[in-house]
Structure formats: structure tokens, C-alpha cells
Amino acid sequence: MSQPAVKERLIKMEESKVIDEYTLNLGETIQGMITFILLKTSMCMEVEKFCKDHKNVVDLHRISGDDNYLLKVSTKDTDELTNFQQQLVKYGPSKSLIRTKRVFEDNYSLMD
């Protein structure tokens, strides 16, 4: 297919909501150190703004249970992680879980 034909087809799929977003998956070496942080806070709007604006936050999920949020954070080393945690502490208590190895990711089916 020609480039204009591909572009036109992509636009049609976007407009019909067949495609709703594009993503980029970075390899392990580029991601650096991955940490999952559970955060308990009463300052939800402030946390969401902080995370949206912070370069280290890869994903932010609102969760149920004892904590309010699950953050996926990417840092180059433990010093950068410590700096991030020091900025986060003003929003409430948190627990950090450092990923040691990815076993698999995106292992799901689309509603059989």
C-alpha cells in the first residue's frame, strides 16, 4: 500500500474508534530500574497532577483496598528513586516494591 493510503486507513480507524491510542514499549535496558509504589493519600487531585507532570511516573492506577494508588516508576538508579520518594512523601505513606525480574507482561486475552 502507498503511504497516503495507509495514512487514510489509519485516520478512518481512529475516527471509528478501532484505534484509540498508540503506545511505545521501551526495552529493559532503556527503562532502567522499575519500582511499583503503593500510596495512601487524602490528596488525590494533587497526587494525580504530580504524577502526570513527573518524568519518572510510567503508569498511575487508582486502586481499592488499604492504599489509593499504584504507581509504576522508572528510575536510572537508587539515588534517583530516593529523590522521587522524598518528593512523594508529602502526599502520604507509601510502600515501594522494586522489580527484580520481568517474568512476562501483557499476557491476556481479549474477552473470548
N, C-alpha and C. Protein backbone atom coordinates (compact mmCIF):
# COMPACT_ATOMS: atom_id res chain seq x y z
N MET A 1 0.84 -1.18 0.00
CA MET A 1 0.00 0.00 0.00
C MET A 1 0.88 1.24 0.00
N SER A 2 0.38 2.28 -0.60
CA SER A 2 1.12 3.54 -0.63
C SER A 2 0.99 4.24 0.72
N GLN A 3 1.91 5.17 0.98
CA GLN A 3 1.88 5.91 2.24
C GLN A 3 0.57 6.68 2.43
N PRO A 4 0.06 7.40 1.41
CA PRO A 4 -1.22 8.10 1.59
C PRO A 4 -2.38 7.15 1.88
N ALA A 5 -2.38 5.97 1.26
CA ALA A 5 -3.45 5.00 1.50
C ALA A 5 -3.40 4.48 2.94
N VAL A 6 -2.20 4.22 3.44
CA VAL A 6 -2.04 3.76 4.82
C VAL A 6 -2.50 4.84 5.79
N LYS A 7 -2.09 6.08 5.51
CA LYS A 7 -2.48 7.19 6.38
C LYS A 7 -4.00 7.34 6.41
N GLU A 8 -4.63 7.27 5.26
CA GLU A 8 -6.09 7.40 5.17
C GLU A 8 -6.78 6.27 5.94
N ARG A 9 -6.27 5.07 5.81
CA ARG A 9 -6.86 3.93 6.52
C ARG A 9 -6.71 4.10 8.04
N LEU A 10 -5.55 4.57 8.49
CA LEU A 10 -5.35 4.80 9.92
C LEU A 10 -6.30 5.87 10.45
N ILE A 11 -6.47 6.93 9.70
CA ILE A 11 -7.39 8.00 10.11
C ILE A 11 -8.81 7.47 10.25
N LYS A 12 -9.25 6.66 9.30
CA LYS A 12 -10.60 6.08 9.37
C LYS A 12 -10.74 5.18 10.60
N MET A 13 -9.71 4.38 10.89
CA MET A 13 -9.78 3.50 12.06
C MET A 13 -9.77 4.30 13.37
N GLU A 14 -9.06 5.42 13.39
CA GLU A 14 -9.07 6.29 14.57
C GLU A 14 -10.45 6.91 14.76
N GLU A 15 -11.03 7.40 13.67
CA GLU A 15 -12.35 8.04 13.74
C GLU A 15 -13.44 7.06 14.15
N SER A 16 -13.32 5.81 13.73
CA SER A 16 -14.33 4.80 14.09
C SER A 16 -14.00 4.11 15.42
N LYS A 17 -12.97 4.60 16.11
CA LYS A 17 -12.56 4.10 17.43
C LYS A 17 -12.04 2.66 17.41
N VAL A 18 -11.66 2.16 16.23
CA VAL A 18 -10.97 0.87 16.17
C VAL A 18 -9.59 1.03 16.80
N ILE A 19 -8.95 2.17 16.54
CA ILE A 19 -7.69 2.54 17.18
C ILE A 19 -7.99 3.72 18.09
N ASP A 20 -7.68 3.56 19.40
CA ASP A 20 -7.93 4.68 20.30
C ASP A 20 -6.65 5.25 20.90
N GLU A 21 -5.52 4.57 20.72
CA GLU A 21 -4.26 5.15 21.18
C GLU A 21 -3.08 4.41 20.55
N TYR A 22 -1.94 5.06 20.59
CA TYR A 22 -0.69 4.46 20.16
C TYR A 22 0.23 4.43 21.37
N THR A 23 0.98 3.36 21.53
CA THR A 23 1.88 3.26 22.67
C THR A 23 3.28 2.88 22.20
N LEU A 24 4.23 3.14 23.07
CA LEU A 24 5.62 2.79 22.83
C LEU A 24 6.08 1.93 24.00
N ASN A 25 6.55 0.73 23.74
CA ASN A 25 7.08 -0.14 24.79
C ASN A 25 8.59 -0.11 24.73
N LEU A 26 9.19 0.41 25.80
CA LEU A 26 10.64 0.51 25.87
C LEU A 26 11.24 -0.78 26.38
N GLY A 27 12.41 -1.12 25.87
CA GLY A 27 13.10 -2.33 26.31
C GLY A 27 13.65 -2.19 27.71
N GLU A 28 14.02 -3.32 28.30
CA GLU A 28 14.53 -3.37 29.67
C GLU A 28 15.71 -2.42 29.88
N THR A 29 16.64 -2.38 28.96
CA THR A 29 17.84 -1.57 29.16
C THR A 29 17.53 -0.08 29.15
N ILE A 30 16.52 0.33 28.41
CA ILE A 30 16.15 1.74 28.36
C ILE A 30 15.33 2.13 29.58
N GLN A 31 14.48 1.23 30.05
CA GLN A 31 13.61 1.54 31.19
C GLN A 31 14.39 1.77 32.47
N GLY A 32 15.50 1.12 32.65
CA GLY A 32 16.24 1.26 33.89
C GLY A 32 15.60 0.46 35.01
N MET A 33 15.54 1.04 36.19
CA MET A 33 15.02 0.38 37.38
C MET A 33 13.52 0.63 37.50
N ILE A 34 12.73 -0.42 37.59
CA ILE A 34 11.27 -0.29 37.71
C ILE A 34 10.87 -0.55 39.16
N THR A 35 10.08 0.37 39.72
CA THR A 35 9.57 0.24 41.08
C THR A 35 8.07 0.46 41.07
N PHE A 36 7.36 -0.38 41.80
CA PHE A 36 5.92 -0.20 42.00
C PHE A 36 5.73 0.39 43.39
N ILE A 37 4.95 1.45 43.48
CA ILE A 37 4.75 2.13 44.76
C ILE A 37 3.27 2.16 45.09
N LEU A 38 2.93 1.67 46.27
CA LEU A 38 1.57 1.77 46.79
C LEU A 38 1.50 3.03 47.65
N LEU A 39 0.52 3.88 47.39
CA LEU A 39 0.42 5.16 48.09
C LEU A 39 -0.95 5.32 48.72
N LYS A 40 -0.97 5.72 49.98
CA LYS A 40 -2.21 6.04 50.68
C LYS A 40 -2.24 7.54 50.88
N THR A 41 -3.31 8.19 50.42
CA THR A 41 -3.37 9.64 50.48
C THR A 41 -4.80 10.13 50.57
N SER A 42 -4.95 11.35 51.06
CA SER A 42 -6.25 12.03 51.01
C SER A 42 -6.18 13.17 50.01
N MET A 43 -5.03 13.33 49.36
CA MET A 43 -4.81 14.43 48.41
C MET A 43 -4.78 13.90 46.98
N CYS A 44 -5.89 13.28 46.58
CA CYS A 44 -5.94 12.57 45.29
C CYS A 44 -5.68 13.48 44.09
N MET A 45 -6.31 14.62 44.03
CA MET A 45 -6.12 15.52 42.88
C MET A 45 -4.66 15.96 42.77
N GLU A 46 -4.05 16.28 43.90
CA GLU A 46 -2.65 16.73 43.90
C GLU A 46 -1.72 15.60 43.46
N VAL A 47 -2.00 14.38 43.92
CA VAL A 47 -1.18 13.23 43.53
C VAL A 47 -1.28 12.99 42.03
N GLU A 48 -2.49 13.06 41.49
CA GLU A 48 -2.67 12.82 40.05
C GLU A 48 -1.93 13.87 39.23
N LYS A 49 -1.96 15.12 39.66
CA LYS A 49 -1.23 16.17 38.94
C LYS A 49 0.28 15.94 39.06
N PHE A 50 0.74 15.65 40.26
CA PHE A 50 2.17 15.39 40.48
C PHE A 50 2.66 14.26 39.57
N CYS A 51 1.91 13.16 39.54
CA CYS A 51 2.31 12.00 38.75
C CYS A 51 2.26 12.28 37.25
N LYS A 52 1.24 13.02 36.83
CA LYS A 52 1.12 13.35 35.40
C LYS A 52 2.29 14.20 34.93
N ASP A 53 2.75 15.09 35.80
CA ASP A 53 3.83 16.02 35.45
C ASP A 53 5.23 15.46 35.71
N HIS A 54 5.34 14.34 36.41
CA HIS A 54 6.66 13.83 36.80
C HIS A 54 7.19 12.84 35.77
N LYS A 55 8.41 13.05 35.33
CA LYS A 55 9.01 12.24 34.26
C LYS A 55 9.22 10.77 34.64
N ASN A 56 9.34 10.48 35.93
CA ASN A 56 9.62 9.11 36.35
C ASN A 56 8.39 8.22 36.43
N VAL A 57 7.19 8.81 36.46
CA VAL A 57 5.97 8.01 36.60
C VAL A 57 5.56 7.48 35.23
N VAL A 58 5.59 6.16 35.10
CA VAL A 58 5.24 5.49 33.84
C VAL A 58 3.74 5.22 33.78
N ASP A 59 3.17 4.71 34.89
CA ASP A 59 1.74 4.39 34.98
C ASP A 59 1.22 4.83 36.34
N LEU A 60 -0.05 5.20 36.38
CA LEU A 60 -0.72 5.53 37.64
C LEU A 60 -2.09 4.87 37.62
N HIS A 61 -2.37 4.08 38.66
CA HIS A 61 -3.65 3.37 38.75
C HIS A 61 -4.33 3.72 40.06
N ARG A 62 -5.61 4.04 40.02
CA ARG A 62 -6.42 4.21 41.23
C ARG A 62 -6.86 2.81 41.64
N ILE A 63 -6.66 2.45 42.90
CA ILE A 63 -6.95 1.09 43.35
C ILE A 63 -7.84 1.10 44.59
N SER A 64 -8.45 -0.04 44.87
CA SER A 64 -9.24 -0.18 46.09
C SER A 64 -8.41 -0.92 47.13
N GLY A 65 -8.83 -0.85 48.39
CA GLY A 65 -8.10 -1.52 49.45
C GLY A 65 -7.50 -0.51 50.41
N ASP A 66 -6.41 -0.90 51.06
CA ASP A 66 -5.78 -0.03 52.06
C ASP A 66 -5.10 1.19 51.44
N ASP A 67 -4.69 1.08 50.19
CA ASP A 67 -4.00 2.18 49.51
C ASP A 67 -4.89 2.75 48.41
N ASN A 68 -4.57 3.98 47.97
CA ASN A 68 -5.37 4.65 46.94
C ASN A 68 -4.79 4.50 45.54
N TYR A 69 -3.46 4.44 45.44
CA TYR A 69 -2.82 4.45 44.13
C TYR A 69 -1.71 3.41 44.03
N LEU A 70 -1.53 2.93 42.81
CA LEU A 70 -0.38 2.10 42.46
C LEU A 70 0.37 2.85 41.37
N LEU A 71 1.61 3.21 41.65
CA LEU A 71 2.45 3.92 40.69
C LEU A 71 3.48 2.96 40.13
N LYS A 72 3.73 3.05 38.85
CA LYS A 72 4.86 2.35 38.24
C LYS A 72 5.87 3.44 37.90
N VAL A 73 7.06 3.32 38.49
CA VAL A 73 8.07 4.37 38.40
C VAL A 73 9.33 3.80 37.76
N SER A 74 9.92 4.56 36.86
CA SER A 74 11.17 4.16 36.21
C SER A 74 12.26 5.15 36.60
N THR A 75 13.35 4.65 37.16
CA THR A 75 14.48 5.50 37.53
C THR A 75 15.77 4.85 37.04
N LYS A 76 16.80 5.66 36.87
CA LYS A 76 18.06 5.10 36.36
C LYS A 76 18.83 4.36 37.45
N ASP A 77 18.60 4.73 38.73
CA ASP A 77 19.31 4.08 39.83
C ASP A 77 18.60 4.35 41.15
N THR A 78 19.16 3.84 42.25
CA THR A 78 18.53 4.00 43.56
C THR A 78 18.56 5.45 44.04
N ASP A 79 19.57 6.21 43.65
CA ASP A 79 19.62 7.62 44.04
C ASP A 79 18.44 8.39 43.46
N GLU A 80 18.14 8.14 42.19
CA GLU A 80 17.01 8.81 41.56
C GLU A 80 15.69 8.34 42.19
N LEU A 81 15.60 7.07 42.55
CA LEU A 81 14.41 6.56 43.23
C LEU A 81 14.24 7.23 44.59
N THR A 82 15.32 7.36 45.34
CA THR A 82 15.27 8.01 46.65
C THR A 82 14.80 9.45 46.52
N ASN A 83 15.30 10.15 45.53
CA ASN A 83 14.88 11.53 45.28
C ASN A 83 13.39 11.59 44.97
N PHE A 84 12.90 10.65 44.15
CA PHE A 84 11.47 10.61 43.82
C PHE A 84 10.65 10.36 45.08
N GLN A 85 11.07 9.40 45.90
CA GLN A 85 10.33 9.07 47.12
C GLN A 85 10.28 10.25 48.09
N GLN A 86 11.35 11.04 48.14
CA GLN A 86 11.37 12.21 49.00
C GLN A 86 10.35 13.25 48.54
N GLN A 87 10.14 13.35 47.24
CA GLN A 87 9.12 14.26 46.71
C GLN A 87 7.71 13.74 46.97
N LEU A 88 7.55 12.42 46.99
CA LEU A 88 6.25 11.79 47.15
C LEU A 88 5.76 11.78 48.60
N VAL A 89 6.68 11.83 49.55
CA VAL A 89 6.34 11.65 50.97
C VAL A 89 5.33 12.68 51.47
N LYS A 90 5.29 13.87 50.88
CA LYS A 90 4.34 14.90 51.35
C LYS A 90 2.88 14.52 51.07
N TYR A 91 2.65 13.54 50.20
CA TYR A 91 1.28 13.14 49.86
C TYR A 91 0.75 12.03 50.77
N GLY A 92 1.63 11.37 51.52
CA GLY A 92 1.19 10.32 52.42
C GLY A 92 2.14 9.14 52.45
N PRO A 93 1.83 8.15 53.29
CA PRO A 93 2.70 6.98 53.41
C PRO A 93 2.67 6.11 52.16
N SER A 94 3.81 5.50 51.87
CA SER A 94 3.90 4.65 50.68
C SER A 94 4.76 3.43 50.97
N LYS A 95 4.59 2.42 50.12
CA LYS A 95 5.40 1.19 50.18
C LYS A 95 5.97 0.97 48.79
N SER A 96 7.26 0.72 48.72
CA SER A 96 7.92 0.51 47.43
C SER A 96 8.26 -0.96 47.22
N LEU A 97 8.00 -1.43 46.01
CA LEU A 97 8.32 -2.80 45.61
C LEU A 97 9.18 -2.70 44.36
N ILE A 98 10.44 -3.06 44.47
CA ILE A 98 11.37 -2.94 43.35
C ILE A 98 11.32 -4.22 42.52
N ARG A 99 11.09 -4.05 41.22
CA ARG A 99 11.05 -5.21 40.33
C ARG A 99 12.46 -5.75 40.16
N THR A 100 12.61 -7.05 40.39
CA THR A 100 13.92 -7.68 40.21
C THR A 100 14.03 -8.39 38.87
N LYS A 101 12.88 -8.84 38.34
CA LYS A 101 12.89 -9.55 37.06
C LYS A 101 11.49 -9.51 36.47
N ARG A 102 11.38 -9.25 35.18
CA ARG A 102 10.10 -9.35 34.50
C ARG A 102 9.92 -10.79 34.05
N VAL A 103 8.85 -11.42 34.51
CA VAL A 103 8.57 -12.79 34.13
C VAL A 103 7.82 -12.80 32.80
N PHE A 104 6.74 -12.05 32.70
CA PHE A 104 6.05 -11.79 31.44
C PHE A 104 5.21 -10.54 31.60
N GLU A 105 4.78 -9.99 30.49
CA GLU A 105 3.97 -8.78 30.51
C GLU A 105 2.93 -8.87 29.41
N ASP A 106 1.78 -8.26 29.65
CA ASP A 106 0.69 -8.23 28.67
C ASP A 106 0.26 -9.63 28.25
N ASN A 107 0.09 -10.51 29.21
CA ASN A 107 -0.34 -11.88 28.94
C ASN A 107 -1.84 -11.98 29.22
N TYR A 108 -2.64 -11.52 28.28
CA TYR A 108 -4.09 -11.53 28.46
C TYR A 108 -4.79 -11.78 27.14
N SER A 109 -6.03 -12.20 27.24
CA SER A 109 -6.83 -12.40 26.03
C SER A 109 -7.88 -11.30 25.96
N LEU A 110 -8.37 -11.06 24.80
CA LEU A 110 -9.38 -10.01 24.60
C LEU A 110 -10.77 -10.61 24.68
N MET A 111 -11.28 -10.76 25.87
CA MET A 111 -12.66 -11.18 26.11
C MET A 111 -13.12 -12.25 25.12
N ASP A 112 -12.71 -13.46 25.34
CA ASP A 112 -13.04 -14.58 24.43
C ASP A 112 -14.48 -14.60 24.02
